């Protein structure tokens, strides 16, 4: 199920990401173009927020999506 992105957790919502180190694959997940958990593009639905954060600018929330196979009510924070 969760294929993961090298250098990240399987779920993009697991921690705040450094905006200067976000990969193209993470960007697709942050934009809601791919499942926040597994990277699928099929049957996406709203699933809360992922965050980018840096010390100088604070946190920015991104409305992310998950596919039909992944849970949307993730409570990792």
PDB file of N, CA and C in Angstrom:
ATOM      1  N   UNK A   1       0.830  -1.183   0.000  1.00  0.00           N
ATOM      2  CA  UNK A   1       0.000   0.000   0.000  1.00  0.00           C
ATOM      3  C   UNK A   1       0.876   1.249   0.000  1.00  0.00           C
ATOM      4  N   UNK A   2       1.440   1.652   1.139  1.00  0.00           N
ATOM      5  CA  UNK A   2       2.235   2.874   1.201  1.00  0.00           C
ATOM      6  C   UNK A   2       3.619   2.627   0.631  1.00  0.00           C
ATOM      7  N   UNK A   3       3.882   3.199  -0.533  1.00  0.00           N
ATOM      8  CA  UNK A   3       5.153   2.963  -1.179  1.00  0.00           C
ATOM      9  C   UNK A   3       6.236   3.881  -0.643  1.00  0.00           C
ATOM     10  N   UNK A   4       5.868   5.041  -0.128  1.00  0.00           N
ATOM     11  CA  UNK A   4       6.834   5.958   0.467  1.00  0.00           C
ATOM     12  C   UNK A   4       7.659   6.712  -0.564  1.00  0.00           C
ATOM     13  N   UNK A   5       8.235   7.786  -0.125  1.00  0.00           N
ATOM     14  CA  UNK A   5       9.128   8.598  -0.937  1.00  0.00           C
ATOM     15  C   UNK A   5      10.484   8.533  -0.252  1.00  0.00           C
ATOM     16  N   UNK A   6      11.557   8.247  -0.976  1.00  0.00           N
ATOM     17  CA  UNK A   6      12.871   8.195  -0.343  1.00  0.00           C
ATOM     18  C   UNK A   6      13.158   9.470   0.441  1.00  0.00           C
ATOM     19  N   UNK A   7      13.614   9.312   1.675  1.00  0.00           N
ATOM     20  CA  UNK A   7      13.949  10.454   2.511  1.00  0.00           C
ATOM     21  C   UNK A   7      12.782  11.042   3.280  1.00  0.00           C
ATOM     22  N   UNK A   8      11.595  10.452   3.194  1.00  0.00           N
ATOM     23  CA  UNK A   8      10.431  10.946   3.925  1.00  0.00           C
ATOM     24  C   UNK A   8       9.716   9.791   4.588  1.00  0.00           C
ATOM     25  N   UNK A   9       8.788  10.113   5.459  1.00  0.00           N
ATOM     26  CA  UNK A   9       7.930   9.062   6.007  1.00  0.00           C
ATOM     27  C   UNK A   9       6.907   8.711   4.941  1.00  0.00           C
ATOM     28  N   UNK A  10       6.192   7.617   5.129  1.00  0.00           N
ATOM     29  CA  UNK A  10       5.183   7.208   4.153  1.00  0.00           C
ATOM     30  C   UNK A  10       4.056   8.234   4.055  1.00  0.00           C
ATOM     31  N   UNK A  11       3.757   8.918   5.141  1.00  0.00           N
ATOM     32  CA  UNK A  11       2.660   9.888   5.168  1.00  0.00           C
ATOM     33  C   UNK A  11       3.227  11.296   5.265  1.00  0.00           C
ATOM     34  N   UNK A  12       2.927  12.115   4.278  1.00  0.00           N
ATOM     35  CA  UNK A  12       3.457  13.479   4.218  1.00  0.00           C
ATOM     36  C   UNK A  12       3.007  14.324   5.416  1.00  0.00           C
ATOM     37  N   UNK A  13       1.937  13.884   6.100  1.00  0.00           N
ATOM     38  CA  UNK A  13       1.417  14.633   7.248  1.00  0.00           C
ATOM     39  C   UNK A  13       2.169  14.331   8.541  1.00  0.00           C
ATOM     40  N   UNK A  14       3.136  13.435   8.524  1.00  0.00           N
ATOM     41  CA  UNK A  14       3.813  12.974   9.734  1.00  0.00           C
ATOM     42  C   UNK A  14       4.632  14.058  10.434  1.00  0.00           C
ATOM     43  N   UNK A  15       5.182  14.996   9.683  1.00  0.00           N
ATOM     44  CA  UNK A  15       5.976  16.063  10.302  1.00  0.00           C
ATOM     45  C   UNK A  15       5.986  17.280   9.396  1.00  0.00           C
ATOM     46  N   UNK A  16       6.316  18.427   9.956  1.00  0.00           N
ATOM     47  CA  UNK A  16       6.440  19.641   9.156  1.00  0.00           C
ATOM     48  C   UNK A  16       7.706  19.534   8.317  1.00  0.00           C
ATOM     49  N   UNK A  17       7.584  19.834   7.040  1.00  0.00           N
ATOM     50  CA  UNK A  17       8.706  19.739   6.111  1.00  0.00           C
ATOM     51  C   UNK A  17       9.398  21.087   5.951  1.00  0.00           C
ATOM     52  N   UNK A  18      10.691  21.059   5.738  1.00  0.00           N
ATOM     53  CA  UNK A  18      11.461  22.264   5.448  1.00  0.00           C
ATOM     54  C   UNK A  18      11.147  22.666   4.008  1.00  0.00           C
ATOM     55  N   UNK A  19      10.593  23.860   3.774  1.00  0.00           N
ATOM     56  CA  UNK A  19      10.199  24.242   2.409  1.00  0.00           C
ATOM     57  C   UNK A  19      11.375  24.329   1.432  1.00  0.00           C
ATOM     58  N   UNK A  20      12.585  24.486   1.930  1.00  0.00           N
ATOM     59  CA  UNK A  20      13.745  24.556   1.053  1.00  0.00           C
ATOM     60  C   UNK A  20      14.254  23.172   0.647  1.00  0.00           C
ATOM     61  N   UNK A  21      13.724  22.128   1.298  1.00  0.00           N
ATOM     62  CA  UNK A  21      14.174  20.767   1.006  1.00  0.00           C
ATOM     63  C   UNK A  21      13.070  19.876   0.448  1.00  0.00           C
ATOM     64  N   UNK A  22      11.925  20.454   0.103  1.00  0.00           N
ATOM     65  CA  UNK A  22      10.799  19.681  -0.427  1.00  0.00           C
ATOM     66  C   UNK A  22      11.138  19.186  -1.828  1.00  0.00           C
ATOM     67  N   UNK A  23      10.933  17.892  -2.047  1.00  0.00           N
ATOM     68  CA  UNK A  23      11.213  17.281  -3.348  1.00  0.00           C
ATOM     69  C   UNK A  23      10.019  17.463  -4.289  1.00  0.00           C
ATOM     70  N   UNK A  24      10.196  17.240  -5.592  1.00  0.00           N
ATOM     71  CA  UNK A  24       9.062  17.312  -6.515  1.00  0.00           C
ATOM     72  C   UNK A  24       7.942  16.325  -6.144  1.00  0.00           C
ATOM     73  N   UNK A  25       8.299  15.133  -5.672  1.00  0.00           N
ATOM     74  CA  UNK A  25       7.284  14.152  -5.270  1.00  0.00           C
ATOM     75  C   UNK A  25       6.494  14.657  -4.052  1.00  0.00           C
ATOM     76  N   UNK A  26       7.173  15.272  -3.101  1.00  0.00           N
ATOM     77  CA  UNK A  26       6.484  15.839  -1.940  1.00  0.00           C
ATOM     78  C   UNK A  26       5.601  17.001  -2.351  1.00  0.00           C
ATOM     79  N   UNK A  27       6.051  17.808  -3.301  1.00  0.00           N
ATOM     80  CA  UNK A  27       5.260  18.937  -3.780  1.00  0.00           C
ATOM     81  C   UNK A  27       3.936  18.456  -4.372  1.00  0.00           C
ATOM     82  N   UNK A  28       3.958  17.374  -5.142  1.00  0.00           N
ATOM     83  CA  UNK A  28       2.721  16.824  -5.721  1.00  0.00           C
ATOM     84  C   UNK A  28       1.754  16.397  -4.618  1.00  0.00           C
ATOM     85  N   UNK A  29       2.271  15.842  -3.535  1.00  0.00           N
ATOM     86  CA  UNK A  29       1.422  15.439  -2.411  1.00  0.00           C
ATOM     87  C   UNK A  29       0.892  16.659  -1.661  1.00  0.00           C
ATOM     88  N   UNK A  30       1.740  17.662  -1.470  1.00  0.00           N
ATOM     89  CA  UNK A  30       1.303  18.881  -0.781  1.00  0.00           C
ATOM     90  C   UNK A  30       0.227  19.611  -1.572  1.00  0.00           C
ATOM     91  N   UNK A  31       0.304  19.588  -2.873  1.00  0.00           N
ATOM     92  CA  UNK A  31      -0.675  20.266  -3.734  1.00  0.00           C
ATOM     93  C   UNK A  31      -1.976  19.480  -3.890  1.00  0.00           C
ATOM     94  N   UNK A  32      -2.042  18.269  -3.353  1.00  0.00           N
ATOM     95  CA  UNK A  32      -3.241  17.462  -3.472  1.00  0.00           C
ATOM     96  C   UNK A  32      -3.360  16.747  -4.797  1.00  0.00           C
ATOM     97  N   UNK A  33      -2.271  16.673  -5.540  1.00  0.00           N
ATOM     98  CA  UNK A  33      -2.263  15.986  -6.828  1.00  0.00           C
ATOM     99  C   UNK A  33      -2.068  14.485  -6.658  1.00  0.00           C
ATOM    100  N   UNK A  34      -1.518  14.074  -5.510  1.00  0.00           N
ATOM    101  CA  UNK A  34      -1.285  12.669  -5.180  1.00  0.00           C
ATOM    102  C   UNK A  34      -1.691  12.423  -3.738  1.00  0.00           C
ATOM    103  N   UNK A  35      -1.956  11.163  -3.413  1.00  0.00           N
ATOM    104  CA  UNK A  35      -2.317  10.768  -2.054  1.00  0.00           C
ATOM    105  C   UNK A  35      -1.193  11.151  -1.084  1.00  0.00           C
ATOM    106  N   UNK A  36      -1.549  11.780   0.018  1.00  0.00           N
ATOM    107  CA  UNK A  36      -0.582  12.199   1.033  1.00  0.00           C
ATOM    108  C   UNK A  36       0.135  11.011   1.662  1.00  0.00           C
ATOM    109  N   UNK A  37      -0.477   9.851   1.604  1.00  0.00           N
ATOM    110  CA  UNK A  37       0.091   8.668   2.251  1.00  0.00           C
ATOM    111  C   UNK A  37       0.865   7.762   1.295  1.00  0.00           C
ATOM    112  N   UNK A  38       0.279   7.420   0.145  1.00  0.00           N
ATOM    113  CA  UNK A  38       0.913   6.422  -0.721  1.00  0.00           C
ATOM    114  C   UNK A  38       1.331   6.952  -2.090  1.00  0.00           C
ATOM    115  N   UNK A  39       0.898   8.144  -2.462  1.00  0.00           N
ATOM    116  CA  UNK A  39       1.290   8.717  -3.743  1.00  0.00           C
ATOM    117  C   UNK A  39       0.369   8.382  -4.908  1.00  0.00           C
ATOM    118  N   UNK A  40      -0.712   7.637  -4.666  1.00  0.00           N
ATOM    119  CA  UNK A  40      -1.654   7.296  -5.730  1.00  0.00           C
ATOM    120  C   UNK A  40      -2.376   8.551  -6.219  1.00  0.00           C
ATOM    121  N   UNK A  41      -2.839   8.522  -7.453  1.00  0.00           N
ATOM    122  CA  UNK A  41      -3.612   9.641  -8.013  1.00  0.00           C
ATOM    123  C   UNK A  41      -5.081   9.276  -8.193  1.00  0.00           C
ATOM    124  N   UNK A  42      -5.480   8.095  -7.750  1.00  0.00           N
ATOM    125  CA  UNK A  42      -6.841   7.592  -7.979  1.00  0.00           C
ATOM    126  C   UNK A  42      -7.762   7.845  -6.792  1.00  0.00           C
ATOM    127  N   UNK A  43      -8.977   8.328  -7.074  1.00  0.00           N
ATOM    128  CA  UNK A  43     -10.014   8.471  -6.063  1.00  0.00           C
ATOM    129  C   UNK A  43      -9.634   9.355  -4.889  1.00  0.00           C
ATOM    130  N   UNK A  44      -9.022  10.481  -5.138  1.00  0.00           N
ATOM    131  CA  UNK A  44      -8.555  11.348  -4.055  1.00  0.00           C
ATOM    132  C   UNK A  44      -9.704  12.048  -3.348  1.00  0.00           C
ATOM    133  N   UNK A  45      -9.561  12.181  -2.031  1.00  0.00           N
ATOM    134  CA  UNK A  45     -10.540  12.895  -1.202  1.00  0.00           C
ATOM    135  C   UNK A  45      -9.796  13.697  -0.133  1.00  0.00           C
ATOM    136  N   UNK A  46     -10.442  14.721   0.413  1.00  0.00           N
ATOM    137  CA  UNK A  46      -9.830  15.588   1.414  1.00  0.00           C
ATOM    138  C   UNK A  46      -9.384  14.795   2.635  1.00  0.00           C
ATOM    139  N   UNK A  47      -8.229  15.197   3.203  1.00  0.00           N
ATOM    140  CA  UNK A  47      -7.675  14.453   4.339  1.00  0.00           C
ATOM    141  C   UNK A  47      -6.898  15.328   5.308  1.00  0.00           C
ATOM    142  N   UNK A  48      -7.313  16.554   5.485  1.00  0.00           N
ATOM    143  CA  UNK A  48      -6.645  17.400   6.468  1.00  0.00           C
ATOM    144  C   UNK A  48      -5.491  18.192   5.882  1.00  0.00           C
ATOM    145  N   UNK A  49      -4.491  18.420   6.714  1.00  0.00           N
ATOM    146  CA  UNK A  49      -3.395  19.307   6.334  1.00  0.00           C
ATOM    147  C   UNK A  49      -2.033  18.688   6.582  1.00  0.00           C
ATOM    148  N   UNK A  50      -1.089  19.054   5.721  1.00  0.00           N
ATOM    149  CA  UNK A  50       0.332  18.813   5.926  1.00  0.00           C
ATOM    150  C   UNK A  50       0.950  20.199   6.066  1.00  0.00           C
ATOM    151  N   UNK A  51       2.133  20.272   6.648  1.00  0.00           N
ATOM    152  CA  UNK A  51       2.736  21.580   6.909  1.00  0.00           C
ATOM    153  C   UNK A  51       4.175  21.654   6.439  1.00  0.00           C
ATOM    154  N   UNK A  52       4.523  22.840   5.935  1.00  0.00           N
ATOM    155  CA  UNK A  52       5.922  23.183   5.729  1.00  0.00           C
ATOM    156  C   UNK A  52       6.229  24.235   6.784  1.00  0.00           C
ATOM    157  N   UNK A  53       7.457  24.238   7.272  1.00  0.00           N
ATOM    158  CA  UNK A  53       7.808  25.167   8.348  1.00  0.00           C
ATOM    159  C   UNK A  53       9.291  25.511   8.302  1.00  0.00           C
ATOM    160  N   UNK A  54       9.574  26.754   8.618  1.00  0.00           N
ATOM    161  CA  UNK A  54      10.960  27.165   8.813  1.00  0.00           C
ATOM    162  C   UNK A  54      10.990  28.157   9.966  1.00  0.00           C
ATOM    163  N   UNK A  55      12.132  28.289  10.582  1.00  0.00           N
ATOM    164  CA  UNK A  55      12.259  29.119  11.786  1.00  0.00           C
ATOM    165  C   UNK A  55      11.903  30.585  11.528  1.00  0.00           C
ATOM    166  N   UNK A  56      12.240  31.107  10.369  1.00  0.00           N
ATOM    167  CA  UNK A  56      12.006  32.516  10.091  1.00  0.00           C
ATOM    168  C   UNK A  56      10.580  32.831   9.651  1.00  0.00           C
ATOM    169  N   UNK A  57       9.929  31.895   8.973  1.00  0.00           N
ATOM    170  CA  UNK A  57       8.628  32.181   8.383  1.00  0.00           C
ATOM    171  C   UNK A  57       7.443  31.533   9.080  1.00  0.00           C
ATOM    172  N   UNK A  58       7.684  30.597   9.974  1.00  0.00           N
ATOM    173  CA  UNK A  58       6.586  29.897  10.628  1.00  0.00           C
ATOM    174  C   UNK A  58       6.079  28.728   9.806  1.00  0.00           C
ATOM    175  N   UNK A  59       4.825  28.322  10.057  1.00  0.00           N
ATOM    176  CA  UNK A  59       4.245  27.153   9.381  1.00  0.00           C
ATOM    177  C   UNK A  59       3.239  27.571   8.322  1.00  0.00           C
ATOM    178  N   UNK A  60       3.203  26.791   7.247  1.00  0.00           N
ATOM    179  CA  UNK A  60       2.216  26.982   6.187  1.00  0.00           C
ATOM    180  C   UNK A  60       1.473  25.665   6.009  1.00  0.00           C
ATOM    181  N   UNK A  61       0.147  25.719   6.129  1.00  0.00           N
ATOM    182  CA  UNK A  61      -0.668  24.517   5.981  1.00  0.00           C
ATOM    183  C   UNK A  61      -1.070  24.284   4.534  1.00  0.00           C
ATOM    184  N   UNK A  62      -1.027  23.026   4.124  1.00  0.00           N
ATOM    185  CA  UNK A  62      -1.412  22.608   2.775  1.00  0.00           C
ATOM    186  C   UNK A  62      -2.571  21.635   2.903  1.00  0.00           C
ATOM    187  N   UNK A  63      -3.685  21.907   2.228  1.00  0.00           N
ATOM    188  CA  UNK A  63      -4.826  20.981   2.222  1.00  0.00           C
ATOM    189  C   UNK A  63      -4.450  19.788   1.349  1.00  0.00           C
ATOM    190  N   UNK A  64      -4.311  18.616   1.966  1.00  0.00           N
ATOM    191  CA  UNK A  64      -3.871  17.420   1.241  1.00  0.00           C
ATOM    192  C   UNK A  64      -5.027  16.449   1.038  1.00  0.00           C
ATOM    193  N   UNK A  65      -4.790  15.441   0.212  1.00  0.00           N
ATOM    194  CA  UNK A  65      -5.813  14.436  -0.104  1.00  0.00           C
ATOM    195  C   UNK A  65      -5.226  13.044   0.068  1.00  0.00           C
ATOM    196  N   UNK A  66      -6.107  12.068   0.257  1.00  0.00           N
ATOM    197  CA  UNK A  66      -5.707  10.660   0.277  1.00  0.00           C
ATOM    198  C   UNK A  66      -6.595   9.894  -0.699  1.00  0.00           C
ATOM    199  N   UNK A  67      -6.109   8.726  -1.112  1.00  0.00           N
ATOM    200  CA  UNK A  67      -6.875   7.880  -2.020  1.00  0.00           C
ATOM    201  C   UNK A  67      -7.891   7.051  -1.231  1.00  0.00           C
ATOM    202  N   UNK A  68      -8.722   6.315  -1.931  1.00  0.00           N
ATOM    203  CA  UNK A  68      -9.740   5.494  -1.294  1.00  0.00           C
ATOM    204  C   UNK A  68      -9.186   4.354  -0.461  1.00  0.00           C
ATOM    205  N   UNK A  69      -7.944   3.952  -0.683  1.00  0.00           N
ATOM    206  CA  UNK A  69      -7.338   2.850   0.061  1.00  0.00           C
ATOM    207  C   UNK A  69      -6.693   3.277   1.364  1.00  0.00           C
ATOM    208  N   UNK A  70      -6.441   4.555   1.542  1.00  0.00           N
ATOM    209  CA  UNK A  70      -5.739   5.055   2.735  1.00  0.00           C
ATOM    210  C   UNK A  70      -6.706   5.762   3.685  1.00  0.00           C
ATOM    211  N   UNK A  71      -6.440   5.694   4.994  1.00  0.00           N
ATOM    212  CA  UNK A  71      -7.311   6.368   5.955  1.00  0.00           C
ATOM    213  C   UNK A  71      -7.161   7.881   5.873  1.00  0.00           C
ATOM    214  N   UNK A  72      -8.277   8.591   5.976  1.00  0.00           N
ATOM    215  CA  UNK A  72      -8.216  10.055   5.923  1.00  0.00           C
ATOM    216  C   UNK A  72      -8.093  10.679   7.305  1.00  0.00           C
ATOM    217  N   UNK A  73      -8.422   9.919   8.343  1.00  0.00           N
ATOM    218  CA  UNK A  73      -8.422  10.478   9.691  1.00  0.00           C
ATOM    219  C   UNK A  73      -7.137  10.182  10.443  1.00  0.00           C
ATOM    220  N   UNK A  74      -6.013  10.447   9.820  1.00  0.00           N
ATOM    221  CA  UNK A  74      -4.707  10.207  10.400  1.00  0.00           C
ATOM    222  C   UNK A  74      -4.487  11.148  11.570  1.00  0.00           C
ATOM    223  N   UNK A  75      -3.989  10.643  12.687  1.00  0.00           N
ATOM    224  CA  UNK A  75      -3.798  11.469  13.896  1.00  0.00           C
ATOM    225  C   UNK A  75      -2.362  11.356  14.408  1.00  0.00           C
ATOM    226  N   UNK A  76      -1.406  11.587  13.551  1.00  0.00           N
ATOM    227  CA  UNK A  76      -0.010  11.429  13.907  1.00  0.00           C
ATOM    228  C   UNK A  76       0.612  12.571  14.672  1.00  0.00           C
ATOM    229  N   UNK A  77      -0.082  13.683  14.823  1.00  0.00           N
ATOM    230  CA  UNK A  77       0.498  14.841  15.525  1.00  0.00           C
ATOM    231  C   UNK A  77       0.075  14.875  16.962  1.00  0.00           C
TER     232      UNK A  77
END
